Amino acid sequence: MDLQVAGLEDLHNRVGTALDRIGELQAGTRVQSDAFFSHPFMEDHTEFESFTAFCEQSPWVLDNRSDIQNVPREQLNDYVAATTDFESWEGMKTQAAEEEIIDQIIS
């Protein structure tokens, strides 16, 4: 039996957008931290309501969100492990990216 499904243009467009976003993230495109680490993401996976709060309550002075890149990785991983559902900064970023991409596809 052959089966044809009509009306998949919207899904095709959303998947295309998600694939573009994956490429951007893999290329290291800069993103707004509060947009990337959305409020729902932060509330679901951390002790904080926002990425800004995560930075403000950290043991480091993070005047600029990009300052987090200057924190020694082991110390940052310890902070992430103590205050989030993740064991490492990389794990937190990866999960945020996955959730953002899935949201783009299903919304």
N, C-alpha and C. Protein backbone atom coordinates (compact mmCIF):
# COMPACT_ATOMS: atom_id res chain seq x y z
N MET A 1 0.84 -1.17 0.00
CA MET A 1 0.00 0.00 0.00
C MET A 1 0.89 1.24 0.00
N ASP A 2 0.61 2.17 -0.87
CA ASP A 2 1.30 3.45 -0.91
C ASP A 2 0.53 4.44 -0.06
N LEU A 3 1.25 5.22 0.67
CA LEU A 3 0.62 6.19 1.56
C LEU A 3 1.25 7.55 1.32
N GLN A 4 0.43 8.52 1.01
CA GLN A 4 0.90 9.89 0.84
C GLN A 4 0.30 10.75 1.94
N VAL A 5 1.13 11.62 2.47
CA VAL A 5 0.69 12.53 3.53
C VAL A 5 0.86 13.95 3.01
N ALA A 6 -0.21 14.71 3.05
CA ALA A 6 -0.17 16.09 2.59
C ALA A 6 -0.01 17.03 3.79
N GLY A 7 0.41 18.22 3.52
CA GLY A 7 0.46 19.24 4.56
C GLY A 7 1.68 19.18 5.46
N LEU A 8 2.76 18.63 4.96
CA LEU A 8 3.97 18.53 5.78
C LEU A 8 4.95 19.68 5.55
N GLU A 9 4.52 20.68 4.79
CA GLU A 9 5.40 21.80 4.49
C GLU A 9 5.86 22.51 5.76
N ASP A 10 4.93 22.70 6.70
CA ASP A 10 5.27 23.40 7.95
C ASP A 10 6.31 22.60 8.74
N LEU A 11 6.12 21.30 8.84
CA LEU A 11 7.09 20.46 9.54
C LEU A 11 8.43 20.50 8.82
N HIS A 12 8.41 20.46 7.51
CA HIS A 12 9.64 20.52 6.73
C HIS A 12 10.39 21.81 7.02
N ASN A 13 9.67 22.92 7.09
CA ASN A 13 10.28 24.21 7.38
C ASN A 13 10.87 24.25 8.79
N ARG A 14 10.14 23.70 9.77
CA ARG A 14 10.63 23.69 11.15
C ARG A 14 11.88 22.82 11.28
N VAL A 15 11.89 21.67 10.62
CA VAL A 15 13.07 20.81 10.67
C VAL A 15 14.25 21.52 10.00
N GLY A 16 13.99 22.19 8.89
CA GLY A 16 15.05 22.95 8.22
C GLY A 16 15.62 24.03 9.11
N THR A 17 14.75 24.73 9.82
CA THR A 17 15.20 25.77 10.76
C THR A 17 16.02 25.15 11.88
N ALA A 18 15.58 24.01 12.38
CA ALA A 18 16.31 23.33 13.45
C ALA A 18 17.69 22.88 12.96
N LEU A 19 17.76 22.37 11.75
CA LEU A 19 19.05 21.96 11.19
C LEU A 19 19.98 23.15 11.02
N ASP A 20 19.42 24.27 10.59
CA ASP A 20 20.22 25.49 10.48
C ASP A 20 20.77 25.90 11.85
N ARG A 21 19.92 25.79 12.86
CA ARG A 21 20.33 26.16 14.23
C ARG A 21 21.42 25.23 14.73
N ILE A 22 21.32 23.94 14.44
CA ILE A 22 22.36 22.99 14.82
C ILE A 22 23.69 23.42 14.19
N GLY A 23 23.66 23.78 12.93
CA GLY A 23 24.87 24.23 12.24
C GLY A 23 25.46 25.47 12.88
N GLU A 24 24.59 26.41 13.26
CA GLU A 24 25.07 27.64 13.91
C GLU A 24 25.74 27.32 15.24
N LEU A 25 25.11 26.46 16.02
CA LEU A 25 25.67 26.12 17.33
C LEU A 25 26.98 25.36 17.20
N GLN A 26 27.06 24.47 16.22
CA GLN A 26 28.30 23.73 16.01
C GLN A 26 29.42 24.66 15.53
N ALA A 27 29.05 25.70 14.81
CA ALA A 27 30.04 26.65 14.32
C ALA A 27 30.48 27.64 15.40
N GLY A 28 29.79 27.61 16.54
CA GLY A 28 30.18 28.50 17.64
C GLY A 28 29.55 29.88 17.55
N THR A 29 28.42 29.99 16.89
CA THR A 29 27.73 31.27 16.80
C THR A 29 27.40 31.79 18.19
N ARG A 30 27.68 33.05 18.43
CA ARG A 30 27.37 33.64 19.73
C ARG A 30 25.86 33.77 19.87
N VAL A 31 25.40 33.50 21.09
CA VAL A 31 23.97 33.58 21.38
C VAL A 31 23.77 34.38 22.66
N GLN A 32 22.59 34.92 22.81
CA GLN A 32 22.21 35.59 24.05
C GLN A 32 22.04 34.50 25.10
N SER A 33 22.77 34.58 26.18
CA SER A 33 22.72 33.53 27.20
C SER A 33 21.33 33.36 27.79
N ASP A 34 20.64 34.47 28.06
CA ASP A 34 19.30 34.35 28.65
C ASP A 34 18.30 33.78 27.66
N ALA A 35 18.55 33.90 26.37
CA ALA A 35 17.66 33.28 25.38
C ALA A 35 18.00 31.81 25.22
N PHE A 36 19.29 31.50 25.19
CA PHE A 36 19.73 30.12 25.03
C PHE A 36 19.36 29.29 26.25
N PHE A 37 19.67 29.82 27.45
CA PHE A 37 19.27 29.18 28.70
C PHE A 37 17.96 29.83 29.13
N SER A 38 16.88 29.40 28.53
CA SER A 38 15.57 30.02 28.76
C SER A 38 15.15 29.90 30.22
N HIS A 39 14.20 30.73 30.61
CA HIS A 39 13.67 30.67 31.97
C HIS A 39 13.12 29.28 32.29
N PRO A 40 12.30 28.69 31.40
CA PRO A 40 11.80 27.34 31.70
C PRO A 40 12.94 26.32 31.86
N PHE A 41 13.96 26.42 31.01
CA PHE A 41 15.11 25.51 31.13
C PHE A 41 15.77 25.67 32.49
N MET A 42 16.04 26.91 32.87
CA MET A 42 16.72 27.17 34.14
C MET A 42 15.87 26.73 35.32
N GLU A 43 14.57 26.98 35.27
CA GLU A 43 13.69 26.58 36.36
C GLU A 43 13.57 25.06 36.46
N ASP A 44 13.58 24.37 35.33
CA ASP A 44 13.44 22.92 35.32
C ASP A 44 14.72 22.19 35.73
N HIS A 45 15.87 22.76 35.45
CA HIS A 45 17.13 22.03 35.61
C HIS A 45 18.12 22.64 36.60
N THR A 46 17.78 23.79 37.19
CA THR A 46 18.74 24.44 38.09
C THR A 46 18.02 24.99 39.32
N GLU A 47 18.78 25.56 40.21
CA GLU A 47 18.23 26.23 41.39
C GLU A 47 17.83 27.68 41.08
N PHE A 48 17.97 28.10 39.84
CA PHE A 48 17.81 29.50 39.47
C PHE A 48 16.64 29.69 38.50
N GLU A 49 16.10 30.90 38.51
CA GLU A 49 15.01 31.20 37.58
C GLU A 49 15.52 31.72 36.24
N SER A 50 16.79 32.10 36.18
CA SER A 50 17.34 32.63 34.94
C SER A 50 18.84 32.41 34.90
N PHE A 51 19.40 32.54 33.70
CA PHE A 51 20.84 32.42 33.56
C PHE A 51 21.53 33.60 34.24
N THR A 52 20.88 34.75 34.22
CA THR A 52 21.42 35.92 34.91
C THR A 52 21.58 35.62 36.40
N ALA A 53 20.58 35.01 37.01
CA ALA A 53 20.66 34.65 38.43
C ALA A 53 21.76 33.62 38.67
N PHE A 54 21.90 32.67 37.77
CA PHE A 54 22.96 31.67 37.84
C PHE A 54 24.33 32.37 37.90
N CYS A 55 24.52 33.37 37.07
CA CYS A 55 25.79 34.11 37.04
C CYS A 55 25.95 35.00 38.26
N GLU A 56 24.88 35.71 38.64
CA GLU A 56 24.96 36.64 39.77
C GLU A 56 25.24 35.92 41.08
N GLN A 57 24.75 34.70 41.23
CA GLN A 57 24.94 33.97 42.48
C GLN A 57 26.16 33.05 42.45
N SER A 58 26.90 33.12 41.37
CA SER A 58 28.11 32.30 41.28
C SER A 58 29.19 32.86 42.20
N PRO A 59 30.21 32.08 42.49
CA PRO A 59 31.30 32.58 43.34
C PRO A 59 32.25 33.52 42.61
N TRP A 60 31.98 33.84 41.36
CA TRP A 60 32.84 34.71 40.57
C TRP A 60 32.09 35.98 40.20
N VAL A 61 32.83 37.01 39.91
CA VAL A 61 32.24 38.25 39.39
C VAL A 61 32.11 38.07 37.89
N LEU A 62 30.88 38.00 37.44
CA LEU A 62 30.62 37.79 36.01
C LEU A 62 29.83 38.99 35.50
N ASP A 63 30.54 40.11 35.29
CA ASP A 63 29.88 41.33 34.83
C ASP A 63 29.31 41.16 33.44
N ASN A 64 30.00 40.43 32.63
CA ASN A 64 29.58 40.18 31.26
C ASN A 64 29.36 38.68 31.14
N ARG A 65 28.26 38.26 30.55
CA ARG A 65 27.94 36.83 30.48
C ARG A 65 29.04 36.02 29.81
N SER A 66 29.83 36.65 28.97
CA SER A 66 30.92 35.92 28.33
C SER A 66 32.08 35.68 29.31
N ASP A 67 32.05 36.37 30.47
CA ASP A 67 33.09 36.16 31.49
C ASP A 67 33.11 34.72 31.97
N ILE A 68 32.02 34.01 31.83
CA ILE A 68 31.96 32.62 32.28
C ILE A 68 33.00 31.76 31.56
N GLN A 69 33.37 32.16 30.36
CA GLN A 69 34.37 31.41 29.60
C GLN A 69 35.76 31.51 30.23
N ASN A 70 35.95 32.51 31.10
CA ASN A 70 37.25 32.71 31.74
C ASN A 70 37.38 31.97 33.08
N VAL A 71 36.29 31.37 33.53
CA VAL A 71 36.32 30.61 34.79
C VAL A 71 37.01 29.28 34.52
N PRO A 72 37.94 28.87 35.40
CA PRO A 72 38.57 27.56 35.22
C PRO A 72 37.51 26.45 35.11
N ARG A 73 37.65 25.63 34.09
CA ARG A 73 36.63 24.63 33.76
C ARG A 73 36.28 23.72 34.93
N GLU A 74 37.27 23.28 35.69
CA GLU A 74 36.99 22.38 36.82
C GLU A 74 36.12 23.08 37.87
N GLN A 75 36.42 24.35 38.15
CA GLN A 75 35.62 25.10 39.12
C GLN A 75 34.21 25.33 38.60
N LEU A 76 34.09 25.65 37.33
CA LEU A 76 32.77 25.86 36.73
C LEU A 76 31.98 24.56 36.76
N ASN A 77 32.62 23.44 36.44
CA ASN A 77 31.93 22.14 36.49
C ASN A 77 31.45 21.83 37.91
N ASP A 78 32.26 22.16 38.91
CA ASP A 78 31.85 21.93 40.30
C ASP A 78 30.62 22.77 40.65
N TYR A 79 30.60 24.02 40.21
CA TYR A 79 29.45 24.90 40.46
C TYR A 79 28.20 24.37 39.76
N VAL A 80 28.36 23.96 38.51
CA VAL A 80 27.24 23.41 37.75
C VAL A 80 26.72 22.14 38.44
N ALA A 81 27.61 21.26 38.85
CA ALA A 81 27.20 20.01 39.50
C ALA A 81 26.47 20.27 40.82
N ALA A 82 26.88 21.31 41.54
CA ALA A 82 26.28 21.62 42.83
C ALA A 82 24.93 22.32 42.72
N THR A 83 24.66 23.00 41.61
CA THR A 83 23.47 23.86 41.52
C THR A 83 22.51 23.48 40.39
N THR A 84 22.85 22.46 39.63
CA THR A 84 22.00 22.08 38.50
C THR A 84 21.84 20.56 38.44
N ASP A 85 21.09 20.10 37.45
CA ASP A 85 20.92 18.66 37.21
C ASP A 85 22.08 18.08 36.41
N PHE A 86 23.09 18.87 36.12
CA PHE A 86 24.17 18.46 35.22
C PHE A 86 25.48 18.28 35.97
N GLU A 87 26.34 17.46 35.42
CA GLU A 87 27.64 17.21 36.02
C GLU A 87 28.71 18.17 35.50
N SER A 88 28.42 18.83 34.37
CA SER A 88 29.43 19.69 33.77
C SER A 88 28.78 20.84 33.00
N TRP A 89 29.58 21.85 32.73
CA TRP A 89 29.16 23.00 31.92
C TRP A 89 28.79 22.53 30.52
N GLU A 90 29.61 21.64 29.96
CA GLU A 90 29.32 21.13 28.61
C GLU A 90 27.98 20.40 28.59
N GLY A 91 27.72 19.61 29.61
CA GLY A 91 26.45 18.89 29.69
C GLY A 91 25.27 19.84 29.76
N MET A 92 25.42 20.92 30.51
CA MET A 92 24.35 21.92 30.63
C MET A 92 24.11 22.60 29.29
N LYS A 93 25.19 23.00 28.62
CA LYS A 93 25.04 23.66 27.32
C LYS A 93 24.43 22.73 26.29
N THR A 94 24.85 21.48 26.28
CA THR A 94 24.34 20.51 25.31
C THR A 94 22.85 20.30 25.50
N GLN A 95 22.41 20.13 26.75
CA GLN A 95 20.99 19.93 27.03
C GLN A 95 20.17 21.15 26.63
N ALA A 96 20.69 22.34 26.91
CA ALA A 96 19.98 23.57 26.52
C ALA A 96 19.83 23.63 25.01
N ALA A 97 20.87 23.28 24.29
CA ALA A 97 20.80 23.29 22.82
C ALA A 97 19.78 22.28 22.32
N GLU A 98 19.81 21.07 22.88
CA GLU A 98 18.85 20.04 22.46
C GLU A 98 17.42 20.50 22.70
N GLU A 99 17.16 21.06 23.87
CA GLU A 99 15.80 21.51 24.18
C GLU A 99 15.37 22.66 23.28
N GLU A 100 16.28 23.57 22.97
CA GLU A 100 15.94 24.67 22.08
C GLU A 100 15.56 24.14 20.69
N ILE A 101 16.34 23.20 20.20
CA ILE A 101 16.09 22.64 18.87
C ILE A 101 14.79 21.86 18.84
N ILE A 102 14.54 21.07 19.85
CA ILE A 102 13.29 20.32 19.92
C ILE A 102 12.11 21.27 19.99
N ASP A 103 12.22 22.35 20.79
CA ASP A 103 11.16 23.35 20.87
C ASP A 103 10.86 23.96 19.51
N GLN A 104 11.91 24.21 18.72
CA GLN A 104 11.71 24.77 17.37
C GLN A 104 10.94 23.80 16.49
N ILE A 105 11.19 22.53 16.64
CA ILE A 105 10.52 21.54 15.79
C ILE A 105 9.07 21.36 16.20
N ILE A 106 8.79 21.31 17.50
CA ILE A 106 7.42 20.98 17.92
C ILE A 106 6.53 22.20 18.11
N SER A 107 7.11 23.39 18.13
CA SER A 107 6.24 24.57 18.33
C SER A 107 5.74 25.12 17.03
